């Protein structure tokens, strides 16, 4: 099984929260990926911080640990999902929708703490590694 790790989970990993490091070792990092969008969000955070060089090193660590999935395969799914969500009055931010659509199109489990938004995406499988039900290291 392959996992697409959302930006929030990367942040928890980098801050040593929720035993994300242990969970990653359990599922094997070679089965875990981030979206190109997550890299962009992390770069924005680095640019917006007072410690740019530390954050760039963190981003490099994420990229060396996890594969980076291109978003191109999710273009059509993104557009279809956005139209459906707009018509239902349940829009979510574009980056969330693009990351979630990438997970669906690549048959990956979306690992996120943002269940509120990402659960609106049709066909998405979600695990929230900040909860003991998905992360035995929190028990």
N, C-alpha and C. Protein backbone atom coordinates (compact mmCIF):
# COMPACT_ATOMS: atom_id res chain seq x y z
N UNK A 1 0.84 -1.18 0.00
CA UNK A 1 0.00 0.00 0.00
C UNK A 1 0.88 1.24 0.00
N UNK A 2 0.51 2.23 -0.80
CA UNK A 2 1.24 3.49 -0.87
C UNK A 2 0.45 4.58 -0.16
N UNK A 3 1.18 5.49 0.44
CA UNK A 3 0.59 6.57 1.23
C UNK A 3 1.03 7.92 0.69
N UNK A 4 0.08 8.86 0.61
CA UNK A 4 0.40 10.23 0.26
C UNK A 4 0.31 11.05 1.54
N UNK A 5 1.44 11.55 1.98
CA UNK A 5 1.53 12.26 3.25
C UNK A 5 1.23 13.73 3.03
N UNK A 6 0.22 14.24 3.74
CA UNK A 6 -0.19 15.63 3.60
C UNK A 6 0.80 16.56 4.32
N UNK A 7 0.72 17.82 3.99
CA UNK A 7 1.63 18.82 4.53
C UNK A 7 1.57 18.88 6.06
N UNK A 8 0.37 18.78 6.62
CA UNK A 8 0.26 18.87 8.08
C UNK A 8 0.99 17.72 8.77
N UNK A 9 0.93 16.53 8.19
CA UNK A 9 1.62 15.37 8.77
C UNK A 9 3.13 15.55 8.65
N UNK A 10 3.59 16.13 7.54
CA UNK A 10 5.03 16.44 7.40
C UNK A 10 5.46 17.38 8.52
N UNK A 11 4.64 18.37 8.80
CA UNK A 11 4.96 19.30 9.88
C UNK A 11 5.06 18.60 11.22
N UNK A 12 4.13 17.70 11.49
CA UNK A 12 4.18 16.94 12.75
C UNK A 12 5.45 16.08 12.79
N UNK A 13 5.80 15.47 11.68
CA UNK A 13 7.01 14.67 11.59
C UNK A 13 8.24 15.52 11.93
N UNK A 14 8.34 16.68 11.31
CA UNK A 14 9.50 17.55 11.51
C UNK A 14 9.59 18.08 12.94
N UNK A 15 8.44 18.24 13.60
CA UNK A 15 8.42 18.72 14.99
C UNK A 15 8.44 17.59 16.01
N UNK A 16 8.51 16.34 15.53
CA UNK A 16 8.58 15.21 16.44
C UNK A 16 7.28 14.94 17.19
N UNK A 17 6.14 15.27 16.59
CA UNK A 17 4.85 15.09 17.24
C UNK A 17 4.12 13.84 16.74
N UNK A 18 3.27 13.31 17.59
CA UNK A 18 2.35 12.21 17.26
C UNK A 18 3.07 10.92 16.82
N UNK A 19 4.33 10.77 17.17
CA UNK A 19 5.09 9.56 16.82
C UNK A 19 5.03 9.24 15.32
N UNK A 20 4.98 10.29 14.51
CA UNK A 20 4.91 10.10 13.06
C UNK A 20 6.16 9.37 12.55
N UNK A 21 7.31 9.66 13.13
CA UNK A 21 8.55 9.00 12.72
C UNK A 21 8.44 7.48 12.88
N UNK A 22 7.92 7.02 14.02
CA UNK A 22 7.77 5.60 14.25
C UNK A 22 6.78 4.97 13.27
N UNK A 23 5.68 5.68 13.02
CA UNK A 23 4.68 5.18 12.08
C UNK A 23 5.26 5.08 10.67
N UNK A 24 6.05 6.06 10.27
CA UNK A 24 6.69 6.01 8.95
C UNK A 24 7.60 4.79 8.83
N UNK A 25 8.36 4.51 9.87
CA UNK A 25 9.22 3.34 9.85
C UNK A 25 8.40 2.06 9.71
N UNK A 26 7.24 2.02 10.37
CA UNK A 26 6.38 0.83 10.31
C UNK A 26 5.87 0.58 8.89
N UNK A 27 5.41 1.62 8.23
CA UNK A 27 4.83 1.44 6.89
C UNK A 27 5.90 1.46 5.80
N UNK A 28 7.12 1.73 6.16
CA UNK A 28 8.29 1.76 5.30
C UNK A 28 8.27 3.03 4.43
N UNK A 29 9.24 3.91 4.64
CA UNK A 29 9.26 5.18 3.91
C UNK A 29 9.21 5.03 2.39
N UNK A 30 9.71 3.91 1.84
CA UNK A 30 9.67 3.79 0.37
C UNK A 30 8.24 3.65 -0.15
N UNK A 31 7.28 3.42 0.76
CA UNK A 31 5.87 3.35 0.37
C UNK A 31 5.14 4.67 0.64
N UNK A 32 5.90 5.69 1.02
CA UNK A 32 5.31 6.97 1.39
C UNK A 32 5.81 8.08 0.47
N UNK A 33 4.89 8.95 0.13
CA UNK A 33 5.17 10.02 -0.83
C UNK A 33 4.55 11.33 -0.36
N UNK A 34 5.00 12.41 -0.95
CA UNK A 34 4.36 13.70 -0.81
C UNK A 34 4.04 14.22 -2.20
N UNK A 35 3.07 15.09 -2.26
CA UNK A 35 2.71 15.74 -3.52
C UNK A 35 3.68 16.89 -3.80
N UNK A 36 3.81 17.22 -5.06
CA UNK A 36 4.55 18.44 -5.42
C UNK A 36 3.96 19.64 -4.69
N UNK A 37 2.67 19.63 -4.48
CA UNK A 37 2.01 20.73 -3.78
C UNK A 37 2.48 20.83 -2.34
N UNK A 38 2.70 19.71 -1.69
CA UNK A 38 3.22 19.73 -0.32
C UNK A 38 4.60 20.39 -0.28
N UNK A 39 5.44 20.08 -1.26
CA UNK A 39 6.75 20.73 -1.33
C UNK A 39 6.58 22.24 -1.47
N UNK A 40 5.64 22.66 -2.32
CA UNK A 40 5.38 24.10 -2.48
C UNK A 40 4.92 24.73 -1.17
N UNK A 41 4.02 24.05 -0.47
CA UNK A 41 3.53 24.59 0.81
C UNK A 41 4.66 24.68 1.84
N UNK A 42 5.52 23.68 1.87
CA UNK A 42 6.66 23.72 2.79
C UNK A 42 7.63 24.84 2.42
N UNK A 43 7.85 25.05 1.12
CA UNK A 43 8.72 26.15 0.68
C UNK A 43 8.14 27.51 1.05
N UNK A 44 6.83 27.63 0.93
CA UNK A 44 6.18 28.88 1.36
C UNK A 44 6.43 29.10 2.86
N UNK A 45 6.27 28.03 3.65
CA UNK A 45 6.52 28.15 5.08
C UNK A 45 7.95 28.56 5.38
N UNK A 46 8.90 28.02 4.62
CA UNK A 46 10.31 28.39 4.81
C UNK A 46 10.53 29.86 4.49
N UNK A 47 9.97 30.31 3.37
CA UNK A 47 10.12 31.72 2.97
C UNK A 47 9.48 32.66 3.99
N UNK A 48 8.44 32.19 4.63
CA UNK A 48 7.68 33.02 5.55
C UNK A 48 8.22 32.96 6.99
N UNK A 49 9.27 32.18 7.21
CA UNK A 49 9.77 31.98 8.57
C UNK A 49 10.99 32.85 8.85
N UNK A 50 11.36 32.89 10.11
CA UNK A 50 12.57 33.60 10.52
C UNK A 50 13.81 32.71 10.45
N UNK A 51 13.60 31.42 10.11
CA UNK A 51 14.72 30.48 10.07
C UNK A 51 14.70 29.71 8.74
N UNK A 52 14.86 30.43 7.67
CA UNK A 52 14.77 29.88 6.33
C UNK A 52 15.70 28.68 6.14
N UNK A 53 16.96 28.79 6.52
CA UNK A 53 17.92 27.72 6.25
C UNK A 53 17.56 26.43 6.96
N UNK A 54 17.03 26.51 8.17
CA UNK A 54 16.59 25.31 8.89
C UNK A 54 15.45 24.64 8.14
N UNK A 55 14.49 25.42 7.70
CA UNK A 55 13.33 24.87 7.01
C UNK A 55 13.71 24.26 5.66
N UNK A 56 14.66 24.86 4.98
CA UNK A 56 15.12 24.29 3.71
C UNK A 56 15.78 22.94 3.96
N UNK A 57 16.55 22.83 5.02
CA UNK A 57 17.15 21.53 5.37
C UNK A 57 16.06 20.51 5.69
N UNK A 58 15.00 20.96 6.39
CA UNK A 58 13.87 20.06 6.69
C UNK A 58 13.20 19.58 5.40
N UNK A 59 13.01 20.48 4.45
CA UNK A 59 12.38 20.12 3.18
C UNK A 59 13.27 19.12 2.42
N UNK A 60 14.56 19.36 2.43
CA UNK A 60 15.49 18.42 1.78
C UNK A 60 15.41 17.05 2.44
N UNK A 61 15.25 17.02 3.77
CA UNK A 61 15.13 15.74 4.49
C UNK A 61 13.85 15.02 4.08
N UNK A 62 12.76 15.76 3.95
CA UNK A 62 11.49 15.16 3.52
C UNK A 62 11.65 14.58 2.11
N UNK A 63 12.26 15.35 1.21
CA UNK A 63 12.43 14.89 -0.18
C UNK A 63 13.36 13.69 -0.28
N UNK A 64 14.33 13.57 0.62
CA UNK A 64 15.22 12.41 0.56
C UNK A 64 14.59 11.19 1.22
N UNK A 65 13.65 11.40 2.15
CA UNK A 65 12.98 10.30 2.83
C UNK A 65 11.80 9.77 2.03
N UNK A 66 11.02 10.67 1.43
CA UNK A 66 9.78 10.31 0.76
C UNK A 66 9.86 10.67 -0.73
N UNK A 67 9.20 9.88 -1.56
CA UNK A 67 9.13 10.22 -2.97
C UNK A 67 8.21 11.41 -3.19
N UNK A 68 8.41 12.11 -4.27
CA UNK A 68 7.56 13.26 -4.62
C UNK A 68 6.72 12.88 -5.83
N UNK A 69 5.40 12.94 -5.66
CA UNK A 69 4.47 12.54 -6.71
C UNK A 69 4.06 13.77 -7.53
N UNK A 70 4.21 13.70 -8.86
CA UNK A 70 3.74 14.79 -9.71
C UNK A 70 2.21 14.88 -9.68
N UNK A 71 1.71 16.06 -9.92
CA UNK A 71 0.26 16.28 -9.85
C UNK A 71 -0.44 16.12 -11.20
N UNK A 72 0.31 16.00 -12.28
CA UNK A 72 -0.29 16.01 -13.62
C UNK A 72 -1.35 14.94 -13.81
N UNK A 73 -1.18 13.79 -13.21
CA UNK A 73 -2.17 12.71 -13.38
C UNK A 73 -3.52 13.06 -12.77
N UNK A 74 -3.56 14.08 -11.92
CA UNK A 74 -4.79 14.42 -11.22
C UNK A 74 -5.52 15.63 -11.81
N UNK A 75 -5.05 16.17 -12.91
CA UNK A 75 -5.68 17.37 -13.47
C UNK A 75 -7.17 17.18 -13.72
N UNK A 76 -7.53 16.13 -14.45
CA UNK A 76 -8.94 15.93 -14.78
C UNK A 76 -9.78 15.65 -13.53
N UNK A 77 -9.25 14.81 -12.64
CA UNK A 77 -9.97 14.49 -11.40
C UNK A 77 -10.17 15.75 -10.56
N UNK A 78 -9.16 16.60 -10.50
CA UNK A 78 -9.27 17.86 -9.76
C UNK A 78 -10.44 18.69 -10.31
N UNK A 79 -10.48 18.84 -11.63
CA UNK A 79 -11.53 19.66 -12.25
C UNK A 79 -12.91 19.07 -11.99
N UNK A 80 -13.04 17.75 -12.15
CA UNK A 80 -14.34 17.10 -11.91
C UNK A 80 -14.76 17.24 -10.46
N UNK A 81 -13.84 17.00 -9.54
CA UNK A 81 -14.16 17.11 -8.11
C UNK A 81 -14.52 18.55 -7.74
N UNK A 82 -13.81 19.51 -8.30
CA UNK A 82 -14.08 20.91 -7.96
C UNK A 82 -15.47 21.33 -8.42
N UNK A 83 -15.85 20.90 -9.62
CA UNK A 83 -17.20 21.21 -10.12
C UNK A 83 -18.25 20.58 -9.20
N UNK A 84 -18.05 19.31 -8.83
CA UNK A 84 -18.99 18.63 -7.95
C UNK A 84 -19.09 19.33 -6.60
N UNK A 85 -17.95 19.69 -6.02
CA UNK A 85 -17.94 20.35 -4.71
C UNK A 85 -18.56 21.75 -4.79
N UNK A 86 -18.31 22.47 -5.87
CA UNK A 86 -18.88 23.80 -6.04
C UNK A 86 -20.40 23.71 -6.13
N UNK A 87 -20.90 22.76 -6.92
CA UNK A 87 -22.35 22.60 -7.09
C UNK A 87 -23.03 22.22 -5.78
N UNK A 88 -22.30 21.51 -4.92
CA UNK A 88 -22.89 21.10 -3.63
C UNK A 88 -22.65 22.13 -2.54
N UNK A 89 -21.94 23.20 -2.86
CA UNK A 89 -21.66 24.23 -1.86
C UNK A 89 -20.65 23.79 -0.82
N UNK A 90 -19.79 22.84 -1.18
CA UNK A 90 -18.85 22.25 -0.22
C UNK A 90 -17.40 22.42 -0.68
N UNK A 91 -17.07 23.51 -1.35
CA UNK A 91 -15.72 23.72 -1.86
C UNK A 91 -14.68 23.64 -0.74
N UNK A 92 -13.51 23.16 -1.12
CA UNK A 92 -12.36 23.14 -0.22
C UNK A 92 -11.21 23.86 -0.93
N UNK A 93 -10.19 24.27 -0.20
CA UNK A 93 -9.08 24.97 -0.86
C UNK A 93 -8.47 24.13 -1.99
N UNK A 94 -8.07 24.83 -3.06
CA UNK A 94 -7.55 24.15 -4.25
C UNK A 94 -6.37 23.23 -3.94
N UNK A 95 -5.45 23.68 -3.10
CA UNK A 95 -4.30 22.82 -2.80
C UNK A 95 -4.74 21.53 -2.12
N UNK A 96 -5.69 21.61 -1.18
CA UNK A 96 -6.20 20.40 -0.54
C UNK A 96 -6.85 19.48 -1.58
N UNK A 97 -7.63 20.08 -2.45
CA UNK A 97 -8.31 19.30 -3.48
C UNK A 97 -7.32 18.66 -4.45
N UNK A 98 -6.29 19.37 -4.79
CA UNK A 98 -5.29 18.83 -5.71
C UNK A 98 -4.49 17.70 -5.06
N UNK A 99 -4.12 17.85 -3.81
CA UNK A 99 -3.40 16.79 -3.10
C UNK A 99 -4.29 15.55 -2.97
N UNK A 100 -5.54 15.76 -2.55
CA UNK A 100 -6.46 14.64 -2.40
C UNK A 100 -6.77 13.95 -3.72
N UNK A 101 -6.94 14.73 -4.77
CA UNK A 101 -7.19 14.16 -6.10
C UNK A 101 -5.99 13.35 -6.58
N UNK A 102 -4.81 13.79 -6.24
CA UNK A 102 -3.59 13.05 -6.59
C UNK A 102 -3.58 11.70 -5.88
N UNK A 103 -3.99 11.68 -4.62
CA UNK A 103 -4.07 10.41 -3.88
C UNK A 103 -5.05 9.46 -4.55
N UNK A 104 -6.21 9.96 -4.91
CA UNK A 104 -7.24 9.13 -5.54
C UNK A 104 -6.74 8.59 -6.88
N UNK A 105 -6.19 9.45 -7.70
CA UNK A 105 -5.75 9.05 -9.05
C UNK A 105 -4.60 8.05 -9.02
N UNK A 106 -3.81 8.08 -7.95
CA UNK A 106 -2.67 7.17 -7.83
C UNK A 106 -2.96 6.00 -6.89
N UNK A 107 -4.24 5.87 -6.51
CA UNK A 107 -4.68 4.78 -5.63
C UNK A 107 -3.83 4.72 -4.35
N UNK A 108 -3.68 5.87 -3.73
CA UNK A 108 -2.91 5.98 -2.50
C UNK A 108 -3.83 6.32 -1.34
N UNK A 109 -3.40 5.94 -0.15
CA UNK A 109 -4.10 6.34 1.06
C UNK A 109 -3.62 7.74 1.41
N UNK A 110 -4.57 8.65 1.62
CA UNK A 110 -4.25 10.03 2.00
C UNK A 110 -4.03 10.07 3.51
N UNK A 111 -2.84 10.46 3.92
CA UNK A 111 -2.53 10.57 5.35
C UNK A 111 -2.58 12.05 5.71
N UNK A 112 -3.57 12.40 6.53
CA UNK A 112 -3.81 13.81 6.84
C UNK A 112 -4.49 13.97 8.19
N UNK A 113 -4.32 15.13 8.76
CA UNK A 113 -5.08 15.52 9.93
C UNK A 113 -6.25 16.41 9.52
N UNK A 114 -6.34 16.70 8.22
CA UNK A 114 -7.38 17.57 7.69
C UNK A 114 -8.52 16.73 7.10
N UNK A 115 -9.11 15.91 7.92
CA UNK A 115 -10.20 15.06 7.47
C UNK A 115 -11.42 15.87 7.06
N UNK A 116 -11.61 17.00 7.70
CA UNK A 116 -12.78 17.84 7.42
C UNK A 116 -12.86 18.20 5.94
N UNK A 117 -11.77 18.62 5.37
CA UNK A 117 -11.76 18.98 3.95
C UNK A 117 -11.60 17.78 3.04
N UNK A 118 -10.60 16.97 3.30
CA UNK A 118 -10.25 15.91 2.36
C UNK A 118 -11.30 14.81 2.28
N UNK A 119 -12.10 14.64 3.31
CA UNK A 119 -13.15 13.62 3.26
C UNK A 119 -14.26 13.98 2.27
N UNK A 120 -14.28 15.18 1.79
CA UNK A 120 -15.28 15.60 0.80
C UNK A 120 -14.94 15.12 -0.61
N UNK A 121 -13.74 14.61 -0.79
CA UNK A 121 -13.30 14.15 -2.11
C UNK A 121 -13.80 12.74 -2.34
N UNK A 122 -14.52 12.56 -3.42
CA UNK A 122 -15.06 11.24 -3.76
C UNK A 122 -13.92 10.25 -4.03
N UNK A 123 -14.01 9.11 -3.36
CA UNK A 123 -13.05 8.03 -3.59
C UNK A 123 -11.79 8.09 -2.77
N UNK A 124 -11.63 9.12 -1.95
CA UNK A 124 -10.40 9.23 -1.16
C UNK A 124 -10.44 8.27 0.03
N UNK A 125 -9.30 7.63 0.29
CA UNK A 125 -9.13 6.79 1.48
C UNK A 125 -8.22 7.57 2.43
N UNK A 126 -8.67 7.76 3.66
CA UNK A 126 -7.95 8.61 4.60
C UNK A 126 -7.50 7.81 5.82
N UNK A 127 -6.27 8.08 6.24
CA UNK A 127 -5.77 7.67 7.55
C UNK A 127 -5.24 8.92 8.23
N UNK A 128 -5.60 9.07 9.49
CA UNK A 128 -5.12 10.19 10.28
C UNK A 128 -4.15 9.64 11.32
N UNK A 129 -2.87 9.76 11.05
CA UNK A 129 -1.85 9.17 11.91
C UNK A 129 -1.68 9.92 13.22
N UNK A 130 -2.48 10.96 13.46
CA UNK A 130 -2.46 11.63 14.77
C UNK A 130 -3.45 10.99 15.73
N UNK A 131 -4.14 9.94 15.27
CA UNK A 131 -5.13 9.25 16.09
C UNK A 131 -4.67 7.82 16.37
N UNK A 132 -4.85 7.35 17.60
CA UNK A 132 -4.40 6.00 17.96
C UNK A 132 -4.98 4.88 17.10
N UNK A 133 -6.16 5.06 16.54
CA UNK A 133 -6.75 4.01 15.72
C UNK A 133 -5.88 3.71 14.49
N UNK A 134 -5.12 4.70 14.03
CA UNK A 134 -4.24 4.52 12.87
C UNK A 134 -2.76 4.47 13.25
N UNK A 135 -2.44 4.77 14.50
CA UNK A 135 -1.04 4.87 14.92
C UNK A 135 -0.88 4.25 16.30
N UNK A 136 -0.44 3.01 16.34
CA UNK A 136 -0.32 2.27 17.59
C UNK A 136 0.72 2.88 18.54
N UNK A 137 1.57 3.75 18.03
CA UNK A 137 2.59 4.35 18.86
C UNK A 137 2.03 5.47 19.74
N UNK A 138 0.78 5.79 19.56
CA UNK A 138 0.13 6.81 20.38
C UNK A 138 -0.60 6.21 21.57
N UNK A 139 -0.71 4.90 21.63
CA UNK A 139 -1.47 4.25 22.71
C UNK A 139 -0.69 4.21 23.99
